[in-house]
Amino acid sequence: MEQTRWGIIYCPKHDGLSRPAKHWKKIERCLAQNDVDFDFVQSENSKSVERLVTMMIDNGYKTIVIVGGDSALNDAVNCLMRAEKKVRDSIALGIIPNGVMNDFAHYWGFRESETDQTVKWLKARRVRRIDLGCIRYTNRKDEKCYRYFLNCINVGLIATIMNLRRQTRRVFGSRTISFVISLLLLLFQRLEYKMRIKINEDVIQRKIMTICVGNAAGYGQTPNAVPYNGLLDVSVVYHPEMTQLIEGIYLFLRGKFLNHRSVHPYRTKEVEILAESRTLIGIDGRQMTTPVGAYRITVEQEVINFLIPA
């Protein structure tokens, strides 16, 4: 395999409004105009990304680019982390944002509407070693499991909102409409959950509205987190009064989430959580199977080569 040739995995949106073939043609033109040599495959569904990444690793591609969102990137890094370190260190991962949620791409400055600029940045091949968070848990079959994440893990209400937002986005397409519908549906959801959380030397045992453990921006909940300092940012939110809840939503939309009086921020290398059963967990925007019992979230420093803007 030519060292400069890209392996591209195109993950179409499944929101009911997108036209995958037309969108791919636009990306293909940008690649041709920038003289990029590449091979591309299209994922059939969310479960096929890891299989396709494995295929590209086995075929010797040194640059693997995901045309997709946070969930597709999550699948890609989990696949890379199963490869031998020597192999993984020889591969650079890139993103052309094309998902329902593109928070990790936005963190670096990649935008859906600026494909040509994104391709130019990827071609410049500026590589940054980045951290990954990791959740270790036991599943319902009593098996020890783990899953890596780039952006964040949400536990509680925000995980519920993210799940609602993904579902409504698939139906309505519009981000704004899906957000408003999600907020309306929120009226029928639980607002707090019994949890026991250990962060550094602090133990929190009470009802919690939501907790976000961020390796990066965390959809606005861990805005100071960076995926290259070997630490996780944690935002623990207690259940506010209704007026405080409205204020919290306003601050969240303004990017000032940490200013809210019910938000308690931490920075750590490890978090232990025990939540009541059926408390939803979201990992990089996708709902994951609820662990049985307590689970641990840690960070692994500088384990993935990621292509960032030049």
C-alpha atoms as a PDB file:
ATOM      1  CA  MET A   1       0.000   0.000   0.000  1.00  0.00           C
ATOM      2  CA  GLU A   2       1.263   3.482  -0.911  1.00  0.00           C
ATOM      3  CA  GLN A   3       2.130   5.314   2.302  1.00  0.00           C
ATOM      4  CA  THR A   4       0.306   8.470   1.188  1.00  0.00           C
ATOM      5  CA  ARG A   5      -2.895   6.786   0.050  1.00  0.00           C
ATOM      6  CA  TRP A   6      -5.934   7.381   2.257  1.00  0.00           C
ATOM      7  CA  GLY A   7      -8.464   4.791   3.267  1.00  0.00           C
ATOM      8  CA  ILE A   8     -11.833   6.564   3.586  1.00  0.00           C
ATOM      9  CA  ILE A   9     -14.935   5.187   5.290  1.00  0.00           C
ATOM     10  CA  TYR A  10     -18.082   7.077   4.335  1.00  0.00           C
ATOM     11  CA  CYS A  11     -20.823   6.861   6.974  1.00  0.00           C
ATOM     12  CA  PRO A  12     -24.057   8.322   5.550  1.00  0.00           C
ATOM     13  CA  LYS A  13     -26.421  10.195   7.831  1.00  0.00           C
ATOM     14  CA  HIS A  14     -29.599   8.335   8.668  1.00  0.00           C
ATOM     15  CA  ASP A  15     -31.819  11.313   9.425  1.00  0.00           C
ATOM     16  CA  GLY A  16     -34.339  10.791   6.646  1.00  0.00           C
ATOM     17  CA  LEU A  17     -33.425  14.046   4.856  1.00  0.00           C
ATOM     18  CA  SER A  18     -29.865  13.578   3.645  1.00  0.00           C
ATOM     19  CA  ARG A  19     -28.932  12.461   0.140  1.00  0.00           C
ATOM     20  CA  PRO A  20     -25.826  10.281   0.695  1.00  0.00           C
ATOM     21  CA  ALA A  21     -24.847   9.854  -2.958  1.00  0.00           C
ATOM     22  CA  LYS A  22     -24.982  13.595  -3.678  1.00  0.00           C
ATOM     23  CA  HIS A  23     -23.033  14.448  -0.542  1.00  0.00           C
ATOM     24  CA  TRP A  24     -20.331  11.899  -1.286  1.00  0.00           C
ATOM     25  CA  LYS A  25     -19.923  13.317  -4.823  1.00  0.00           C
ATOM     26  CA  LYS A  26     -19.213  16.723  -3.303  1.00  0.00           C
ATOM     27  CA  ILE A  27     -16.552  15.258  -1.017  1.00  0.00           C
ATOM     28  CA  GLU A  28     -15.110  13.251  -3.894  1.00  0.00           C
ATOM     29  CA  ARG A  29     -14.711  16.434  -5.969  1.00  0.00           C
ATOM     30  CA  CYS A  30     -12.849  18.138  -3.097  1.00  0.00           C
ATOM     31  CA  LEU A  31     -10.497  15.159  -2.810  1.00  0.00           C
ATOM     32  CA  ALA A  32      -9.816  15.188  -6.556  1.00  0.00           C
ATOM     33  CA  GLN A  33      -9.226  18.958  -6.605  1.00  0.00           C
ATOM     34  CA  ASN A  34      -6.664  18.553  -3.817  1.00  0.00           C
ATOM     35  CA  ASP A  35      -4.899  15.648  -5.596  1.00  0.00           C
ATOM     36  CA  VAL A  36      -5.611  13.148  -2.839  1.00  0.00           C
ATOM     37  CA  ASP A  37      -5.096   9.467  -3.669  1.00  0.00           C
ATOM     38  CA  PHE A  38      -7.666   7.393  -1.827  1.00  0.00           C
ATOM     39  CA  ASP A  39      -9.797   4.277  -1.694  1.00  0.00           C
ATOM     40  CA  PHE A  40     -13.255   4.509  -0.187  1.00  0.00           C
ATOM     41  CA  VAL A  41     -15.883   2.185   1.225  1.00  0.00           C
ATOM     42  CA  GLN A  42     -19.344   3.007   2.522  1.00  0.00           C
ATOM     43  CA  SER A  43     -20.588   1.654   5.837  1.00  0.00           C
ATOM     44  CA  GLU A  44     -23.917  -0.135   5.717  1.00  0.00           C
ATOM     45  CA  ASN A  45     -24.776   0.682   9.331  1.00  0.00           C
ATOM     46  CA  SER A  46     -23.228   1.676  12.628  1.00  0.00           C
ATOM     47  CA  LYS A  47     -22.032  -1.872  13.291  1.00  0.00           C
ATOM     48  CA  SER A  48     -19.941  -2.064  10.127  1.00  0.00           C
ATOM     49  CA  VAL A  49     -17.453   0.740  10.877  1.00  0.00           C
ATOM     50  CA  GLU A  50     -15.205  -1.357  13.111  1.00  0.00           C
ATOM     51  CA  ARG A  51     -15.144  -4.150  10.526  1.00  0.00           C
ATOM     52  CA  LEU A  52     -14.150  -1.697   7.784  1.00  0.00           C
ATOM     53  CA  VAL A  53     -11.463  -0.052   9.936  1.00  0.00           C
ATOM     54  CA  THR A  54     -10.033  -3.513  10.677  1.00  0.00           C
ATOM     55  CA  MET A  55      -9.964  -4.233   6.954  1.00  0.00           C
ATOM     56  CA  MET A  56      -8.039  -1.009   6.273  1.00  0.00           C
ATOM     57  CA  ILE A  57      -5.545  -1.707   9.054  1.00  0.00           C
ATOM     58  CA  ASP A  58      -4.960  -5.208   7.683  1.00  0.00           C
ATOM     59  CA  ASN A  59      -4.444  -3.764   4.191  1.00  0.00           C
ATOM     60  CA  GLY A  60      -1.729  -1.393   5.371  1.00  0.00           C
ATOM     61  CA  TYR A  61      -3.389   2.043   5.144  1.00  0.00           C
ATOM     62  CA  LYS A  62      -1.451   4.630   7.168  1.00  0.00           C
ATOM     63  CA  THR A  63      -4.141   7.334   6.920  1.00  0.00           C
ATOM     64  CA  ILE A  64      -7.716   6.354   7.759  1.00  0.00           C
ATOM     65  CA  VAL A  65     -10.359   9.075   7.377  1.00  0.00           C
ATOM     66  CA  ILE A  66     -13.869   8.748   8.773  1.00  0.00           C
ATOM     67  CA  VAL A  67     -16.591  10.704   6.990  1.00  0.00           C
ATOM     68  CA  GLY A  68     -19.046  10.636   9.859  1.00  0.00           C
ATOM     69  CA  GLY A  69     -19.812  11.856  13.353  1.00  0.00           C
ATOM     70  CA  ASP A  70     -18.888  11.166  16.965  1.00  0.00           C
ATOM     71  CA  SER A  71     -20.302   7.642  17.022  1.00  0.00           C
ATOM     72  CA  ALA A  72     -18.395   6.563  13.911  1.00  0.00           C
ATOM     73  CA  LEU A  73     -15.180   8.036  15.342  1.00  0.00           C
ATOM     74  CA  ASN A  74     -15.839   6.136  18.548  1.00  0.00           C
ATOM     75  CA  ASP A  75     -16.096   2.888  16.595  1.00  0.00           C
ATOM     76  CA  ALA A  76     -12.862   3.698  14.755  1.00  0.00           C
ATOM     77  CA  VAL A  77     -10.766   4.400  17.861  1.00  0.00           C
ATOM     78  CA  ASN A  78     -12.061   1.285  19.609  1.00  0.00           C
ATOM     79  CA  CYS A  79     -10.979  -0.733  16.602  1.00  0.00           C
ATOM     80  CA  LEU A  80      -7.543   0.949  16.538  1.00  0.00           C
ATOM     81  CA  MET A  81      -7.053   0.265  20.244  1.00  0.00           C
ATOM     82  CA  ARG A  82      -7.380  -3.467  19.565  1.00  0.00           C
ATOM     83  CA  ALA A  83      -4.453  -3.336  17.141  1.00  0.00           C
ATOM     84  CA  GLU A  84      -0.868  -3.866  18.302  1.00  0.00           C
ATOM     85  CA  LYS A  85       0.758  -0.674  19.556  1.00  0.00           C
ATOM     86  CA  LYS A  86       3.394  -0.764  16.796  1.00  0.00           C
ATOM     87  CA  VAL A  87       0.677  -0.944  14.143  1.00  0.00           C
ATOM     88  CA  ARG A  88      -1.529   1.684  15.825  1.00  0.00           C
ATOM     89  CA  ASP A  89       1.372   4.120  16.149  1.00  0.00           C
ATOM     90  CA  SER A  90       1.946   3.965  12.383  1.00  0.00           C
ATOM     91  CA  ILE A  91      -1.641   5.057  11.567  1.00  0.00           C
ATOM     92  CA  ALA A  92      -3.156   8.556  11.627  1.00  0.00           C
ATOM     93  CA  LEU A  93      -6.916   8.973  12.038  1.00  0.00           C
ATOM     94  CA  GLY A  94      -8.780  11.855  10.391  1.00  0.00           C
ATOM     95  CA  ILE A  95     -12.354  13.131  10.320  1.00  0.00           C
ATOM     96  CA  ILE A  96     -14.568  14.826   7.746  1.00  0.00           C
ATOM     97  CA  PRO A  97     -17.642  15.699   9.855  1.00  0.00           C
ATOM     98  CA  ASN A  98     -20.844  14.145   8.557  1.00  0.00           C
ATOM     99  CA  GLY A  99     -22.773  12.888  11.557  1.00  0.00           C
ATOM    100  CA  VAL A 100     -25.858  13.681  13.572  1.00  0.00           C
ATOM    101  CA  MET A 101     -23.389  14.918  16.207  1.00  0.00           C
ATOM    102  CA  ASN A 102     -19.910  16.198  15.349  1.00  0.00           C
ATOM    103  CA  ASP A 103     -18.743  17.570  18.679  1.00  0.00           C
ATOM    104  CA  PHE A 104     -15.202  16.184  18.562  1.00  0.00           C
ATOM    105  CA  ALA A 105     -14.668  17.503  15.029  1.00  0.00           C
ATOM    106  CA  HIS A 106     -16.016  20.908  16.097  1.00  0.00           C
ATOM    107  CA  TYR A 107     -13.592  20.944  19.023  1.00  0.00           C
ATOM    108  CA  TRP A 108     -10.709  21.074  16.531  1.00  0.00           C
ATOM    109  CA  GLY A 109     -12.420  23.531  14.184  1.00  0.00           C
ATOM    110  CA  PHE A 110     -13.657  21.150  11.469  1.00  0.00           C
ATOM    111  CA  ARG A 111     -17.059  22.158  10.066  1.00  0.00           C
ATOM    112  CA  GLU A 112     -19.569  20.287   7.898  1.00  0.00           C
ATOM    113  CA  SER A 113     -19.912  23.217   5.487  1.00  0.00           C
ATOM    114  CA  GLU A 114     -16.143  23.575   4.913  1.00  0.00           C
ATOM    115  CA  THR A 115     -15.206  20.281   3.275  1.00  0.00           C
ATOM    116  CA  ASP A 116     -12.534  21.768   1.021  1.00  0.00           C
ATOM    117  CA  GLN A 117     -10.774  23.398   3.975  1.00  0.00           C
ATOM    118  CA  THR A 118     -11.017  20.155   5.942  1.00  0.00           C
ATOM    119  CA  VAL A 119      -9.412  18.165   3.111  1.00  0.00           C
ATOM    120  CA  LYS A 120      -6.579  20.715   2.850  1.00  0.00           C
ATOM    121  CA  TRP A 121      -5.931  20.442   6.596  1.00  0.00           C
ATOM    122  CA  LEU A 122      -5.948  16.640   6.489  1.00  0.00           C
ATOM    123  CA  LYS A 123      -3.573  16.609   3.533  1.00  0.00           C
ATOM    124  CA  ALA A 124      -1.117  18.824   5.467  1.00  0.00           C
ATOM    125  CA  ARG A 125      -0.900  15.845   7.864  1.00  0.00           C
ATOM    126  CA  ARG A 126      -0.389  17.662  11.136  1.00  0.00           C
ATOM    127  CA  VAL A 127      -0.531  14.835  13.654  1.00  0.00           C
ATOM    128  CA  ARG A 128      -1.339  15.217  17.338  1.00  0.00           C
ATOM    129  CA  ARG A 129      -1.127  12.397  19.856  1.00  0.00           C
ATOM    130  CA  ILE A 130      -4.381  12.477  21.818  1.00  0.00           C
ATOM    131  CA  ASP A 131      -5.828  10.889  24.932  1.00  0.00           C
ATOM    132  CA  LEU A 132      -8.754   8.525  25.171  1.00  0.00           C
ATOM    133  CA  GLY A 133     -11.118   7.985  28.069  1.00  0.00           C
ATOM    134  CA  CYS A 134     -12.052   4.419  28.944  1.00  0.00           C
ATOM    135  CA  ILE A 135     -15.018   2.971  30.837  1.00  0.00           C
ATOM    136  CA  ARG A 136     -14.520  -0.456  32.437  1.00  0.00           C
ATOM    137  CA  TYR A 137     -17.641  -2.282  33.553  1.00  0.00           C
ATOM    138  CA  THR A 138     -19.400  -5.624  34.001  1.00  0.00           C
ATOM    139  CA  ASN A 139     -22.268  -6.489  31.679  1.00  0.00           C
ATOM    140  CA  ARG A 140     -25.415  -8.521  32.342  1.00  0.00           C
ATOM    141  CA  LYS A 141     -23.602 -11.737  31.388  1.00  0.00           C
ATOM    142  CA  ASP A 142     -21.073 -11.027  34.170  1.00  0.00           C
ATOM    143  CA  GLU A 143     -18.386 -10.351  31.556  1.00  0.00           C
ATOM    144  CA  LYS A 144     -15.656  -7.762  32.140  1.00  0.00           C
ATOM    145  CA  CYS A 145     -15.916  -5.150  29.367  1.00  0.00           C
ATOM    146  CA  TYR A 146     -14.377  -1.851  28.350  1.00  0.00           C
ATOM    147  CA  ARG A 147     -15.071   0.879  25.831  1.00  0.00           C
ATOM    148  CA  TYR A 148     -12.954   3.873  24.805  1.00  0.00           C
ATOM    149  CA  PHE A 149     -14.302   7.351  24.118  1.00  0.00           C
ATOM    150  CA  LEU A 150     -12.960  10.534  22.527  1.00  0.00           C
ATOM    151  CA  ASN A 151     -15.448  13.108  23.711  1.00  0.00           C
ATOM    152  CA  CYS A 152     -17.379  12.186  26.850  1.00  0.00           C
ATOM    153  CA  ILE A 153     -19.536   9.858  28.886  1.00  0.00           C
ATOM    154  CA  ASN A 154     -22.887  11.138  30.167  1.00  0.00           C
ATOM    155  CA  VAL A 155     -24.789   9.482  32.991  1.00  0.00           C
ATOM    156  CA  GLY A 156     -28.358  10.404  33.889  1.00  0.00           C
ATOM    157  CA  LEU A 157     -30.506  13.148  32.407  1.00  0.00           C
ATOM    158  CA  ILE A 158     -28.167  14.400  29.674  1.00  0.00           C
ATOM    159  CA  ALA A 159     -27.710  10.825  28.425  1.00  0.00           C
ATOM    160  CA  THR A 160     -31.501  10.672  28.176  1.00  0.00           C
ATOM    161  CA  ILE A 161     -31.621  14.005  26.309  1.00  0.00           C
ATOM    162  CA  MET A 162     -28.857  12.907  23.904  1.00  0.00           C
ATOM    163  CA  ASN A 163     -30.744   9.705  23.194  1.00  0.00           C
ATOM    164  CA  LEU A 164     -33.969  11.651  22.577  1.00  0.00           C
ATOM    165  CA  ARG A 165     -32.114  14.121  20.397  1.00  0.00           C
ATOM    166  CA  ARG A 166     -30.614  11.384  18.220  1.00  0.00           C
ATOM    167  CA  GLN A 167     -34.014   9.787  17.753  1.00  0.00           C
ATOM    168  CA  THR A 168     -35.793  13.068  16.942  1.00  0.00           C
ATOM    169  CA  ARG A 169     -32.955  14.187  14.643  1.00  0.00           C
ATOM    170  CA  ARG A 170     -33.410  11.034  12.592  1.00  0.00           C
ATOM    171  CA  VAL A 171     -37.101  11.894  12.191  1.00  0.00           C
ATOM    172  CA  PHE A 172     -37.023  15.704  11.806  1.00  0.00           C
ATOM    173  CA  GLY A 173     -33.498  16.312  10.440  1.00  0.00           C
ATOM    174  CA  SER A 174     -33.225  19.858  11.825  1.00  0.00           C
ATOM    175  CA  ARG A 175     -30.953  20.322  14.842  1.00  0.00           C
ATOM    176  CA  THR A 176     -33.128  23.106  16.230  1.00  0.00           C
ATOM    177  CA  ILE A 177     -36.400  21.196  15.875  1.00  0.00           C
ATOM    178  CA  SER A 178     -34.889  18.028  17.336  1.00  0.00           C
ATOM    179  CA  PHE A 179     -33.521  20.010  20.295  1.00  0.00           C
ATOM    180  CA  VAL A 180     -36.907  21.646  21.003  1.00  0.00           C
ATOM    181  CA  ILE A 181     -38.779  18.338  20.670  1.00  0.00           C
ATOM    182  CA  SER A 182     -36.248  16.706  22.991  1.00  0.00           C
ATOM    183  CA  LEU A 183     -36.845  19.387  25.606  1.00  0.00           C
ATOM    184  CA  LEU A 184     -40.617  18.848  25.357  1.00  0.00           C
ATOM    185  CA  LEU A 185     -40.215  15.090  25.740  1.00  0.00           C
ATOM    186  CA  LEU A 186     -37.981  15.808  28.721  1.00  0.00           C
ATOM    187  CA  LEU A 187     -41.091  16.768  30.682  1.00  0.00           C
ATOM    188  CA  PHE A 188     -41.936  13.050  30.848  1.00  0.00           C
ATOM    189  CA  GLN A 189     -38.457  11.912  31.966  1.00  0.00           C
ATOM    190  CA  ARG A 190     -36.927  11.399  35.378  1.00  0.00           C
ATOM    191  CA  LEU A 191     -34.859  14.366  36.561  1.00  0.00           C
ATOM    192  CA  GLU A 192     -32.659  12.736  39.209  1.00  0.00           C
ATOM    193  CA  TYR A 193     -30.987   9.425  40.004  1.00  0.00           C
ATOM    194  CA  LYS A 194     -29.420   7.909  43.095  1.00  0.00           C
ATOM    195  CA  MET A 195     -25.658   7.656  42.640  1.00  0.00           C
ATOM    196  CA  ARG A 196     -22.433   7.094  44.512  1.00  0.00           C
ATOM    197  CA  ILE A 197     -19.496   8.845  42.852  1.00  0.00           C
ATOM    198  CA  LYS A 198     -15.835   8.798  43.882  1.00  0.00           C
ATOM    199  CA  ILE A 199     -13.631  11.526  42.363  1.00  0.00           C
ATOM    200  CA  ASN A 200     -10.112  11.868  43.745  1.00  0.00           C
ATOM    201  CA  GLU A 201     -10.674  11.826  47.528  1.00  0.00           C
ATOM    202  CA  ASP A 202     -14.264  13.089  47.322  1.00  0.00           C
ATOM    203  CA  VAL A 203     -17.203  10.702  47.697  1.00  0.00           C
ATOM    204  CA  ILE A 204     -20.622  11.994  46.595  1.00  0.00           C
ATOM    205  CA  GLN A 205     -23.607   9.908  47.654  1.00  0.00           C
ATOM    206  CA  ARG A 206     -26.931  11.523  46.850  1.00  0.00           C
ATOM    207  CA  LYS A 207     -29.461  12.109  44.093  1.00  0.00           C
ATOM    208  CA  ILE A 208     -27.774  13.471  40.968  1.00  0.00           C
ATOM    209  CA  MET A 209     -29.377  15.016  37.917  1.00  0.00           C
ATOM    210  CA  THR A 210     -26.527  14.239  35.533  1.00  0.00           C
ATOM    211  CA  ILE A 211     -22.788  13.685  35.403  1.00  0.00           C
ATOM    212  CA  CYS A 212     -20.504  14.253  32.426  1.00  0.00           C
ATOM    213  CA  VAL A 213     -16.984  12.818  32.275  1.00  0.00           C
ATOM    214  CA  GLY A 214     -15.202  14.644  29.463  1.00  0.00           C
ATOM    215  CA  ASN A 215     -12.017  13.895  27.572  1.00  0.00           C
ATOM    216  CA  ALA A 216     -12.965  16.895  25.374  1.00  0.00           C
ATOM    217  CA  ALA A 217     -15.777  19.468  25.282  1.00  0.00           C
ATOM    218  CA  GLY A 218     -18.504  17.015  26.277  1.00  0.00           C
ATOM    219  CA  TYR A 219     -21.281  18.693  24.259  1.00  0.00           C
ATOM    220  CA  GLY A 220     -20.695  21.870  26.265  1.00  0.00           C
ATOM    221  CA  GLN A 221     -20.702  20.268  29.712  1.00  0.00           C
ATOM    222  CA  THR A 222     -16.923  20.045  30.161  1.00  0.00           C
ATOM    223  CA  PRO A 223     -15.890  23.123  28.146  1.00  0.00           C
ATOM    224  CA  ASN A 224     -12.372  23.310  29.627  1.00  0.00           C
ATOM    225  CA  ALA A 225     -11.421  19.700  28.926  1.00  0.00           C
ATOM    226  CA  VAL A 226      -8.610  19.013  26.441  1.00  0.00           C
ATOM    227  CA  PRO A 227      -7.764  15.573  24.995  1.00  0.00           C
ATOM    228  CA  TYR A 228      -4.011  15.843  25.572  1.00  0.00           C
ATOM    229  CA  ASN A 229      -3.326  16.581  29.254  1.00  0.00           C
ATOM    230  CA  GLY A 230      -3.829  13.100  30.706  1.00  0.00           C
ATOM    231  CA  LEU A 231      -6.825  14.231  32.761  1.00  0.00           C
ATOM    232  CA  LEU A 232     -10.620  14.020  32.643  1.00  0.00           C
ATOM    233  CA  ASP A 233     -12.947  16.911  33.420  1.00  0.00           C
ATOM    234  CA  VAL A 234     -16.057  15.980  35.394  1.00  0.00           C
ATOM    235  CA  SER A 235     -19.241  18.021  35.800  1.00  0.00           C
ATOM    236  CA  VAL A 236     -21.651  16.803  38.479  1.00  0.00           C
ATOM    237  CA  VAL A 237     -25.072  18.474  38.396  1.00  0.00           C
ATOM    238  CA  TYR A 238     -27.451  18.341  41.350  1.00  0.00           C
ATOM    239  CA  HIS A 239     -31.192  18.719  40.821  1.00  0.00           C
ATOM    240  CA  PRO A 240     -31.937  22.476  40.647  1.00  0.00           C
ATOM    241  CA  GLU A 241     -35.246  24.215  41.198  1.00  0.00           C
ATOM    242  CA  MET A 242     -37.308  24.926  38.080  1.00  0.00           C
ATOM    243  CA  THR A 243     -36.075  28.526  37.788  1.00  0.00           C
ATOM    244  CA  GLN A 244     -32.496  27.307  38.186  1.00  0.00           C
ATOM    245  CA  LEU A 245     -33.132  24.617  35.572  1.00  0.00           C
ATOM    246  CA  ILE A 246     -34.235  27.261  33.057  1.00  0.00           C
ATOM    247  CA  GLU A 247     -31.190  29.337  33.949  1.00  0.00           C
ATOM    248  CA  GLY A 248     -29.012  26.256  33.492  1.00  0.00           C
ATOM    249  CA  ILE A 249     -30.388  25.608  29.998  1.00  0.00           C
ATOM    250  CA  TYR A 250     -29.737  29.267  29.120  1.00  0.00           C
ATOM    251  CA  LEU A 251     -26.133  29.089  30.370  1.00  0.00           C
ATOM    252  CA  PHE A 252     -25.651  25.775  28.549  1.00  0.00           C
ATOM    253  CA  LEU A 253     -26.768  27.328  25.250  1.00  0.00           C
ATOM    254  CA  ARG A 254     -24.491  30.343  25.894  1.00  0.00           C
ATOM    255  CA  GLY A 255     -21.478  28.103  26.538  1.00  0.00           C
ATOM    256  CA  LYS A 256     -21.278  29.106  30.227  1.00  0.00           C
ATOM    257  CA  PHE A 257     -22.444  25.837  31.714  1.00  0.00           C
ATOM    258  CA  LEU A 258     -19.889  25.796  34.545  1.00  0.00           C
ATOM    259  CA  ASN A 259     -21.208  29.135  35.854  1.00  0.00           C
ATOM    260  CA  HIS A 260     -24.430  27.529  37.067  1.00  0.00           C
ATOM    261  CA  ARG A 261     -24.690  27.127  40.850  1.00  0.00           C
ATOM    262  CA  SER A 262     -25.816  23.484  40.596  1.00  0.00           C
ATOM    263  CA  VAL A 263     -22.773  22.427  38.521  1.00  0.00           C
ATOM    264  CA  HIS A 264     -19.805  21.085  40.488  1.00  0.00           C
ATOM    265  CA  PRO A 265     -16.652  20.701  38.349  1.00  0.00           C
ATOM    266  CA  TYR A 266     -13.694  18.386  39.017  1.00  0.00           C
ATOM    267  CA  ARG A 267     -10.497  17.337  37.249  1.00  0.00           C
ATOM    268  CA  THR A 268      -9.155  13.838  37.783  1.00  0.00           C
ATOM    269  CA  LYS A 269      -7.570  10.734  36.254  1.00  0.00           C
ATOM    270  CA  GLU A 270     -10.238   8.351  37.492  1.00  0.00           C
ATOM    271  CA  VAL A 271     -13.931   8.311  38.410  1.00  0.00           C
ATOM    272  CA  GLU A 272     -15.881   5.504  40.046  1.00  0.00           C
ATOM    273  CA  ILE A 273     -19.681   5.502  39.674  1.00  0.00           C
ATOM    274  CA  LEU A 274     -22.434   3.354  41.105  1.00  0.00           C
ATOM    275  CA  ALA A 275     -25.861   4.381  39.829  1.00  0.00           C
ATOM    276  CA  GLU A 276     -29.278   2.838  40.293  1.00  0.00           C
ATOM    277  CA  SER A 277     -30.317   0.388  37.616  1.00  0.00           C
ATOM    278  CA  ARG A 278     -31.743   1.707  34.350  1.00  0.00           C
ATOM    279  CA  THR A 279     -29.856   4.994  34.622  1.00  0.00           C
ATOM    280  CA  LEU A 280     -28.994   5.746  30.989  1.00  0.00           C
ATOM    281  CA  ILE A 281     -25.369   6.110  29.915  1.00  0.00           C
ATOM    282  CA  GLY A 282     -24.259   7.817  26.711  1.00  0.00           C
ATOM    283  CA  ILE A 283     -20.781   7.378  25.258  1.00  0.00           C
ATOM    284  CA  ASP A 284     -19.771   9.863  22.548  1.00  0.00           C
ATOM    285  CA  GLY A 285     -23.452  10.621  21.959  1.00  0.00           C
ATOM    286  CA  ARG A 286     -24.588   7.016  21.588  1.00  0.00           C
ATOM    287  CA  GLN A 287     -26.524   5.107  24.214  1.00  0.00           C
ATOM    288  CA  MET A 288     -24.606   2.159  25.622  1.00  0.00           C
ATOM    289  CA  THR A 289     -25.772  -0.932  27.468  1.00  0.00           C
ATOM    290  CA  THR A 290     -26.227  -0.095  31.136  1.00  0.00           C
ATOM    291  CA  PRO A 291     -23.457  -1.708  33.212  1.00  0.00           C
ATOM    292  CA  VAL A 292     -24.288  -3.952  36.151  1.00  0.00           C
ATOM    293  CA  GLY A 293     -22.980  -2.536  39.405  1.00  0.00           C
ATOM    294  CA  ALA A 294     -20.182  -0.011  39.741  1.00  0.00           C
ATOM    295  CA  TYR A 295     -17.960   1.034  36.853  1.00  0.00           C
ATOM    296  CA  ARG A 296     -14.678   2.913  36.529  1.00  0.00           C
ATOM    297  CA  ILE A 297     -13.734   5.638  34.051  1.00  0.00           C
ATOM    298  CA  THR A 298     -10.054   6.382  33.428  1.00  0.00           C
ATOM    299  CA  VAL A 299      -7.870   8.135  30.860  1.00  0.00           C
ATOM    300  CA  GLU A 300      -5.077   6.759  28.670  1.00  0.00           C
ATOM    301  CA  GLN A 301      -2.634   9.422  27.577  1.00  0.00           C
ATOM    302  CA  GLU A 302      -1.443   9.981  23.993  1.00  0.00           C
ATOM    303  CA  VAL A 303      -2.553   6.684  22.470  1.00  0.00           C
ATOM    304  CA  ILE A 304      -4.024   7.755  19.093  1.00  0.00           C
ATOM    305  CA  ASN A 305      -2.547   9.768  16.197  1.00  0.00           C
ATOM    306  CA  PHE A 306      -5.185  12.301  15.149  1.00  0.00           C
ATOM    307  CA  LEU A 307      -5.021  14.688  12.182  1.00  0.00           C
ATOM    308  CA  ILE A 308      -5.733  18.272  13.271  1.00  0.00           C
ATOM    309  CA  PRO A 309      -5.941  21.585  11.394  1.00  0.00           C
ATOM    310  CA  ALA A 310      -2.620  22.899  10.116  1.00  0.00           C
END
